[in-house]
N, C-alpha and C. Protein backbone atom coordinates (compact mmCIF):
# COMPACT_ATOMS: atom_id res chain seq x y z
N MET A 1 180.26 111.47 100.34
CA MET A 1 181.21 111.74 99.27
C MET A 1 180.51 112.43 98.09
N LYS A 2 181.23 113.31 97.47
CA LYS A 2 180.72 113.97 96.28
C LYS A 2 181.24 113.25 95.05
N ARG A 3 180.42 113.26 94.01
CA ARG A 3 180.83 112.68 92.72
C ARG A 3 180.77 113.76 91.67
N ILE A 4 181.51 113.55 90.60
CA ILE A 4 181.54 114.49 89.47
C ILE A 4 180.83 113.83 88.30
N GLY A 5 180.03 114.61 87.59
CA GLY A 5 179.32 114.06 86.45
C GLY A 5 178.84 115.13 85.50
N VAL A 6 178.08 114.69 84.53
CA VAL A 6 177.53 115.56 83.49
C VAL A 6 176.03 115.30 83.40
N VAL A 7 175.27 116.36 83.28
CA VAL A 7 173.83 116.26 83.05
C VAL A 7 173.55 116.92 81.71
N GLY A 8 172.98 116.16 80.78
CA GLY A 8 172.61 116.68 79.47
C GLY A 8 171.11 116.94 79.42
N ILE A 9 170.75 118.10 78.91
CA ILE A 9 169.34 118.50 78.83
C ILE A 9 169.03 118.92 77.41
N VAL A 10 167.96 118.38 76.85
CA VAL A 10 167.46 118.82 75.55
C VAL A 10 166.12 119.50 75.81
N VAL A 11 166.00 120.73 75.33
CA VAL A 11 164.83 121.56 75.60
C VAL A 11 164.03 121.73 74.31
N LYS A 12 162.78 121.26 74.34
CA LYS A 12 161.86 121.48 73.23
C LYS A 12 160.68 122.26 73.79
N GLY A 13 160.33 123.33 73.18
CA GLY A 13 159.19 124.08 73.67
C GLY A 13 159.45 125.57 73.65
N ASP A 14 158.51 126.29 74.23
CA ASP A 14 158.61 127.75 74.20
C ASP A 14 159.46 128.28 75.35
N ARG A 15 159.60 129.57 75.40
CA ARG A 15 160.45 130.23 76.39
C ARG A 15 159.94 130.06 77.82
N SER A 16 158.65 129.86 78.01
CA SER A 16 158.14 129.70 79.37
C SER A 16 158.71 128.45 80.02
N LEU A 17 158.96 127.41 79.24
CA LEU A 17 159.59 126.21 79.76
C LEU A 17 161.01 126.51 80.23
N ALA A 18 161.73 127.31 79.47
CA ALA A 18 163.09 127.67 79.84
C ALA A 18 163.12 128.45 81.14
N LEU A 19 162.16 129.30 81.37
CA LEU A 19 162.12 130.07 82.61
C LEU A 19 161.87 129.17 83.82
N GLU A 20 160.97 128.22 83.69
CA GLU A 20 160.70 127.28 84.78
C GLU A 20 161.92 126.39 85.04
N MET A 21 162.57 125.96 83.97
CA MET A 21 163.77 125.14 84.12
C MET A 21 164.86 125.93 84.83
N GLN A 22 165.01 127.20 84.52
CA GLN A 22 166.02 128.04 85.14
C GLN A 22 165.80 128.15 86.65
N LYS A 23 164.56 128.18 87.07
CA LYS A 23 164.26 128.22 88.51
C LYS A 23 164.79 126.96 89.21
N VAL A 24 164.60 125.82 88.57
CA VAL A 24 165.10 124.56 89.15
C VAL A 24 166.62 124.57 89.18
N LEU A 25 167.25 125.02 88.10
CA LEU A 25 168.71 125.08 88.07
C LEU A 25 169.25 126.00 89.16
N SER A 26 168.56 127.09 89.41
CA SER A 26 168.97 128.00 90.49
C SER A 26 168.87 127.32 91.85
N ASP A 27 167.83 126.50 92.03
CA ASP A 27 167.67 125.78 93.29
C ASP A 27 168.83 124.81 93.55
N PHE A 28 169.44 124.32 92.48
CA PHE A 28 170.53 123.36 92.59
C PHE A 28 171.88 123.98 92.22
N GLY A 29 171.96 125.28 92.31
CA GLY A 29 173.19 126.00 91.95
C GLY A 29 174.40 125.58 92.76
N ASP A 30 174.18 125.04 93.95
CA ASP A 30 175.30 124.62 94.80
C ASP A 30 176.05 123.42 94.26
N ILE A 31 175.44 122.64 93.36
CA ILE A 31 176.14 121.48 92.79
C ILE A 31 176.53 121.68 91.33
N ILE A 32 176.10 122.77 90.72
CA ILE A 32 176.43 123.03 89.32
C ILE A 32 177.75 123.78 89.26
N VAL A 33 178.76 123.14 88.67
CA VAL A 33 180.10 123.71 88.58
C VAL A 33 180.26 124.50 87.28
N GLY A 34 179.66 123.99 86.20
CA GLY A 34 179.77 124.65 84.91
C GLY A 34 178.53 124.38 84.07
N ARG A 35 178.32 125.26 83.11
CA ARG A 35 177.13 125.15 82.27
C ARG A 35 177.45 125.66 80.88
N MET A 36 177.02 124.90 79.86
CA MET A 36 177.18 125.33 78.49
C MET A 36 175.86 125.10 77.78
N GLY A 37 175.38 126.09 77.08
CA GLY A 37 174.13 125.97 76.36
C GLY A 37 174.30 126.29 74.89
N VAL A 38 173.55 125.59 74.07
CA VAL A 38 173.54 125.83 72.64
C VAL A 38 172.10 126.11 72.23
N PRO A 39 171.74 127.40 72.10
CA PRO A 39 170.36 127.73 71.74
C PRO A 39 170.11 127.50 70.25
N ARG A 40 168.95 126.94 69.95
CA ARG A 40 168.51 126.72 68.57
C ARG A 40 167.06 127.16 68.48
N ASP A 41 166.55 127.27 67.28
CA ASP A 41 165.17 127.71 67.11
C ASP A 41 164.17 126.70 67.67
N ASN A 42 164.31 125.44 67.32
CA ASN A 42 163.32 124.44 67.72
C ASN A 42 163.74 123.62 68.94
N VAL A 43 165.02 123.31 69.03
CA VAL A 43 165.52 122.47 70.11
C VAL A 43 166.85 123.04 70.60
N SER A 44 166.97 123.22 71.91
CA SER A 44 168.21 123.72 72.49
C SER A 44 168.80 122.64 73.38
N THR A 45 170.11 122.71 73.60
CA THR A 45 170.77 121.74 74.46
C THR A 45 171.57 122.47 75.54
N ILE A 46 171.65 121.84 76.70
CA ILE A 46 172.41 122.38 77.82
C ILE A 46 173.22 121.23 78.41
N ALA A 47 174.48 121.49 78.69
CA ALA A 47 175.32 120.52 79.39
C ALA A 47 175.74 121.13 80.73
N LEU A 48 175.49 120.40 81.80
CA LEU A 48 175.87 120.84 83.14
C LEU A 48 176.98 119.95 83.66
N ILE A 49 178.02 120.54 84.22
CA ILE A 49 179.01 119.80 84.98
C ILE A 49 178.59 119.91 86.43
N VAL A 50 178.41 118.78 87.09
CA VAL A 50 177.91 118.78 88.46
C VAL A 50 178.90 118.10 89.40
N GLU A 51 178.88 118.55 90.64
CA GLU A 51 179.69 117.94 91.69
C GLU A 51 178.85 117.94 92.97
N GLY A 52 178.47 116.77 93.40
CA GLY A 52 177.62 116.67 94.58
C GLY A 52 177.35 115.23 94.93
N SER A 53 176.56 115.03 95.95
CA SER A 53 176.20 113.66 96.33
C SER A 53 175.31 113.06 95.24
N GLN A 54 175.34 111.76 95.16
CA GLN A 54 174.52 111.08 94.16
C GLN A 54 173.05 111.39 94.38
N GLU A 55 172.65 111.51 95.63
CA GLU A 55 171.25 111.81 95.94
C GLU A 55 170.85 113.20 95.45
N ARG A 56 171.75 114.17 95.64
CA ARG A 56 171.44 115.56 95.22
C ARG A 56 171.40 115.66 93.70
N ILE A 57 172.31 114.99 93.02
CA ILE A 57 172.31 115.00 91.55
C ILE A 57 171.06 114.31 91.02
N SER A 58 170.67 113.21 91.65
CA SER A 58 169.43 112.52 91.25
C SER A 58 168.21 113.39 91.49
N ALA A 59 168.22 114.17 92.57
CA ALA A 59 167.10 115.08 92.84
C ALA A 59 166.99 116.13 91.74
N LEU A 60 168.12 116.64 91.28
CA LEU A 60 168.12 117.61 90.19
C LEU A 60 167.54 117.00 88.92
N THR A 61 168.04 115.85 88.52
CA THR A 61 167.55 115.24 87.28
C THR A 61 166.09 114.83 87.40
N GLY A 62 165.68 114.42 88.61
CA GLY A 62 164.27 114.07 88.83
C GLY A 62 163.35 115.26 88.67
N ARG A 63 163.75 116.39 89.23
CA ARG A 63 162.93 117.61 89.09
C ARG A 63 162.85 118.05 87.64
N LEU A 64 163.98 117.99 86.93
CA LEU A 64 163.98 118.39 85.52
C LEU A 64 163.16 117.41 84.68
N GLY A 65 163.21 116.15 85.02
CA GLY A 65 162.48 115.13 84.26
C GLY A 65 160.97 115.26 84.36
N GLN A 66 160.47 116.05 85.30
CA GLN A 66 159.03 116.24 85.45
C GLN A 66 158.44 117.19 84.41
N PHE A 67 159.28 117.93 83.73
CA PHE A 67 158.80 118.88 82.73
C PHE A 67 158.54 118.19 81.40
N ASP A 68 157.36 118.44 80.83
CA ASP A 68 157.12 118.01 79.45
C ASP A 68 157.97 118.92 78.56
N GLY A 69 158.60 118.34 77.57
CA GLY A 69 159.42 119.15 76.67
C GLY A 69 160.89 119.15 77.03
N LEU A 70 161.26 118.48 78.14
CA LEU A 70 162.67 118.33 78.51
C LEU A 70 163.05 116.86 78.46
N ALA A 71 164.20 116.58 77.89
CA ALA A 71 164.79 115.24 77.97
C ALA A 71 166.08 115.39 78.77
N VAL A 72 166.24 114.58 79.80
CA VAL A 72 167.37 114.72 80.71
C VAL A 72 168.09 113.39 80.84
N LYS A 73 169.40 113.44 80.81
CA LYS A 73 170.22 112.24 81.00
C LYS A 73 171.45 112.64 81.80
N SER A 74 171.83 111.80 82.75
CA SER A 74 173.03 112.10 83.54
C SER A 74 174.04 110.96 83.41
N ALA A 75 175.29 111.31 83.59
CA ALA A 75 176.38 110.34 83.62
C ALA A 75 177.31 110.75 84.74
N LEU A 76 177.43 109.90 85.74
CA LEU A 76 178.31 110.18 86.87
C LEU A 76 179.57 109.34 86.75
N THR A 77 180.69 109.96 87.08
CA THR A 77 181.94 109.22 87.08
C THR A 77 182.06 108.45 88.39
N SER A 78 182.98 107.53 88.43
CA SER A 78 183.24 106.80 89.67
C SER A 78 184.19 107.60 90.55
N PHE A 79 184.69 108.71 90.05
CA PHE A 79 185.62 109.56 90.81
C PHE A 79 184.87 110.25 91.95
N GLU A 80 185.41 110.12 93.15
CA GLU A 80 184.79 110.73 94.32
C GLU A 80 185.67 111.85 94.84
N VAL A 81 185.03 112.94 95.24
CA VAL A 81 185.72 114.10 95.79
C VAL A 81 185.40 114.16 97.26
N GLN A 82 186.42 114.28 98.09
CA GLN A 82 186.16 114.41 99.52
C GLN A 82 185.73 115.82 99.83
N GLU A 83 184.81 115.95 100.75
CA GLU A 83 184.28 117.26 101.11
C GLU A 83 185.23 118.00 102.01
């Protein structure tokens, strides 16, 4: 079963971090339904709407959590989508 949720990302650091993060987001593009970013000089924020298995969403947040300069938090709804 797929679940729907939100992944919040706070980005602190230089542009090279953003490029590496973008590679990870591309790898998980199959579960990212929507994306909104708010760029700032010192700290930027990104909100992802995700739809996928709990394992796949956890893999995404785990990969993002490995970066220094990123803070990641996810919230999954109890709503399940049939494939």
